[in-house]
């Protein structure tokens, strides 16, 4: 009985999505300054795809949310023409569990081209300058909605960081 109760408590705790360590500090927000926008790249693993959680299911919602929040959305060509090559990479990962449960993570990373201070001839084409991760658990039937909700909450965190640094640029704060 105690074992069943403990297992139920753990599963109930995991069923509620929660944010893991987010790299959203004043310094990391600074790395978003002067960017005109980001190219959005969504990816998911096979377990997500088999559960119907595909990048295409969220692409329009993410793009619309960013556009409505005045975050520039770049085409791939615009991103490649930008010296920073700014990309918002959204990674969805799932793992199937007992009884059709699905554990998932939603990771957002802003990746940019960066240059080393100690040797300016060294450049990195993809340095992670800001990130946010959320994890949760869902039933297989509600995985698309649960992961979508977690994704949009994570997008809200990114929009808040973007808006804060760009409002400072414009002298509103």
Protein backbone atom coordinates (compact mmCIF):
# COMPACT_ATOMS: atom_id res chain seq x y z
CA UNK A 1 0.00 0.00 0.00
CA UNK A 2 2.81 2.45 0.93
CA UNK A 3 4.63 1.60 -2.27
CA UNK A 4 1.53 2.24 -4.41
CA UNK A 5 0.88 5.51 -2.60
CA UNK A 6 4.48 6.64 -3.09
CA UNK A 7 4.41 5.72 -6.78
CA UNK A 8 1.14 7.60 -7.24
CA UNK A 9 2.59 10.68 -5.53
CA UNK A 10 5.67 10.61 -7.76
CA UNK A 11 3.57 10.21 -10.91
CA UNK A 12 1.24 13.03 -9.83
CA UNK A 13 4.24 15.29 -9.24
CA UNK A 14 5.66 14.45 -12.67
CA UNK A 15 2.31 14.96 -14.38
CA UNK A 16 2.59 18.69 -13.67
CA UNK A 17 5.04 20.34 -16.06
CA UNK A 18 7.70 22.42 -14.36
CA UNK A 19 10.59 24.55 -15.47
CA UNK A 20 14.08 23.28 -14.99
CA UNK A 21 17.04 25.61 -14.55
CA UNK A 22 16.56 28.46 -16.99
CA UNK A 23 19.43 30.58 -18.20
CA UNK A 24 17.52 33.84 -18.11
CA UNK A 25 19.75 36.31 -16.32
CA UNK A 26 20.48 39.96 -17.07
CA UNK A 27 23.74 38.90 -18.72
CA UNK A 28 22.05 36.30 -20.91
CA UNK A 29 19.29 38.72 -21.85
CA UNK A 30 22.04 41.07 -22.96
CA UNK A 31 22.98 38.53 -25.66
CA UNK A 32 19.55 39.14 -27.24
CA UNK A 33 20.23 42.87 -27.59
CA UNK A 34 20.43 44.29 -31.12
CA UNK A 35 19.10 41.12 -32.72
CA UNK A 36 16.49 41.91 -35.34
CA UNK A 37 14.84 38.56 -34.81
CA UNK A 38 15.41 34.83 -34.75
CA UNK A 39 15.00 31.97 -37.17
CA UNK A 40 12.78 29.29 -35.62
CA UNK A 41 13.88 25.67 -35.89
CA UNK A 42 11.63 23.03 -34.31
CA UNK A 43 12.79 19.43 -33.90
CA UNK A 44 11.45 16.36 -32.14
CA UNK A 45 12.62 12.82 -31.52
CA UNK A 46 11.00 9.63 -32.85
CA UNK A 47 9.02 8.95 -29.66
CA UNK A 48 7.37 12.38 -29.94
CA UNK A 49 6.63 11.87 -33.63
CA UNK A 50 4.99 8.50 -32.91
CA UNK A 51 2.79 10.19 -30.27
CA UNK A 52 1.69 12.81 -32.82
CA UNK A 53 3.92 15.49 -31.30
CA UNK A 54 5.55 16.82 -34.45
CA UNK A 55 7.22 20.17 -35.10
CA UNK A 56 4.58 20.95 -37.74
CA UNK A 57 1.87 20.79 -35.06
CA UNK A 58 3.34 23.83 -33.28
CA UNK A 59 5.20 25.79 -35.95
CA UNK A 60 2.39 28.23 -36.78
CA UNK A 61 1.52 28.88 -33.11
CA UNK A 62 5.14 29.61 -32.17
CA UNK A 63 5.61 31.92 -35.18
CA UNK A 64 2.36 33.76 -34.48
CA UNK A 65 3.16 34.21 -30.76
CA UNK A 66 6.58 35.65 -31.55
CA UNK A 67 5.26 37.94 -34.26
CA UNK A 68 2.43 39.21 -32.04
CA UNK A 69 4.97 39.84 -29.26
CA UNK A 70 7.15 41.91 -31.62
CA UNK A 71 9.94 39.36 -31.77
CA UNK A 72 11.26 39.37 -35.31
CA UNK A 73 10.86 36.04 -37.09
CA UNK A 74 13.58 35.56 -39.69
CA UNK A 75 13.56 33.32 -42.72
CA UNK A 76 16.49 30.94 -43.05
CA UNK A 77 18.00 33.21 -45.71
CA UNK A 78 17.70 36.27 -43.43
CA UNK A 79 19.25 34.36 -40.55
CA UNK A 80 22.20 33.22 -42.67
CA UNK A 81 22.76 36.79 -43.92
CA UNK A 82 22.87 38.11 -40.34
CA UNK A 83 26.39 38.09 -38.79
CA UNK A 84 24.99 36.62 -35.54
CA UNK A 85 23.02 33.89 -37.37
CA UNK A 86 20.39 34.02 -34.57
CA UNK A 87 18.30 30.89 -34.21
CA UNK A 88 15.65 29.90 -31.69
CA UNK A 89 15.98 26.13 -31.59
CA UNK A 90 13.01 24.34 -30.05
CA UNK A 91 13.66 20.70 -29.19
CA UNK A 92 10.85 18.36 -28.13
CA UNK A 93 11.88 15.03 -26.62
CA UNK A 94 9.55 12.28 -25.45
CA UNK A 95 9.88 8.90 -23.80
CA UNK A 96 7.08 6.36 -23.50
CA UNK A 97 6.28 5.03 -20.07
CA UNK A 98 3.99 2.53 -18.40
CA UNK A 99 0.30 2.65 -19.21
CA UNK A 100 0.78 4.90 -22.21
CA UNK A 101 2.26 7.76 -20.19
CA UNK A 102 4.69 10.03 -21.99
CA UNK A 103 7.50 11.92 -20.26
CA UNK A 104 8.65 14.94 -22.22
CA UNK A 105 10.99 17.88 -22.25
CA UNK A 106 10.68 21.16 -24.11
CA UNK A 107 13.99 22.96 -24.61
CA UNK A 108 14.42 26.44 -26.10
CA UNK A 109 17.91 27.62 -27.02
CA UNK A 110 18.98 30.83 -28.68
CA UNK A 111 22.03 29.98 -30.71
CA UNK A 112 24.27 32.60 -32.27
CA UNK A 113 27.63 32.88 -33.89
CA UNK A 114 30.20 33.93 -31.27
CA UNK A 115 33.82 34.98 -31.16
CA UNK A 116 36.39 34.09 -28.51
CA UNK A 117 37.77 37.03 -26.52
CA UNK A 118 41.21 35.50 -25.96
CA UNK A 119 41.70 34.79 -29.68
CA UNK A 120 39.35 36.70 -31.98
CA UNK A 121 40.29 34.47 -34.90
CA UNK A 122 38.29 31.68 -33.25
CA UNK A 123 34.59 31.86 -34.02
CA UNK A 124 31.86 29.44 -33.05
CA UNK A 125 29.00 29.09 -35.55
CA UNK A 126 26.56 27.94 -32.84
CA UNK A 127 27.00 29.13 -29.28
CA UNK A 128 24.03 28.82 -26.91
CA UNK A 129 23.49 32.28 -25.41
CA UNK A 130 20.08 31.81 -23.75
CA UNK A 131 18.03 28.72 -22.85
CA UNK A 132 14.94 27.50 -21.05
CA UNK A 133 13.85 23.92 -20.38
CA UNK A 134 10.58 22.48 -19.09
CA UNK A 135 9.74 18.86 -18.34
CA UNK A 136 6.50 17.05 -17.69
CA UNK A 137 4.48 13.91 -18.05
CA UNK A 138 1.24 13.29 -19.88
CA UNK A 139 -1.08 10.53 -20.96
CA UNK A 140 -0.60 9.50 -24.56
CA UNK A 141 -4.05 10.84 -25.46
CA UNK A 142 -3.31 14.35 -24.23
CA UNK A 143 0.38 14.54 -25.16
CA UNK A 144 -0.11 16.96 -28.06
CA UNK A 145 -2.07 19.40 -25.87
CA UNK A 146 0.17 19.01 -22.79
CA UNK A 147 3.38 19.48 -24.71
CA UNK A 148 1.87 22.33 -26.71
CA UNK A 149 0.88 24.10 -23.50
CA UNK A 150 4.35 23.60 -22.01
CA UNK A 151 5.93 24.84 -25.25
CA UNK A 152 3.84 28.02 -25.29
CA UNK A 153 4.67 28.68 -21.62
CA UNK A 154 8.36 28.37 -22.54
CA UNK A 155 7.83 30.72 -25.49
CA UNK A 156 6.29 33.22 -23.04
CA UNK A 157 9.52 33.06 -20.97
CA UNK A 158 11.55 33.80 -24.11
CA UNK A 159 9.24 36.66 -25.12
CA UNK A 160 9.57 38.16 -21.64
CA UNK A 161 13.38 38.05 -21.88
CA UNK A 162 13.31 39.48 -25.41
CA UNK A 163 10.88 42.25 -24.49
CA UNK A 164 12.82 43.22 -21.37
CA UNK A 165 16.11 43.73 -23.19
CA UNK A 166 14.54 45.44 -26.20
CA UNK A 167 12.47 47.76 -24.00
CA UNK A 168 15.73 48.82 -22.31
CA UNK A 169 17.19 49.51 -25.76
CA UNK A 170 14.30 51.82 -26.51
CA UNK A 171 14.56 53.55 -23.12
CA UNK A 172 11.18 52.36 -21.79
CA UNK A 173 12.51 50.82 -18.59
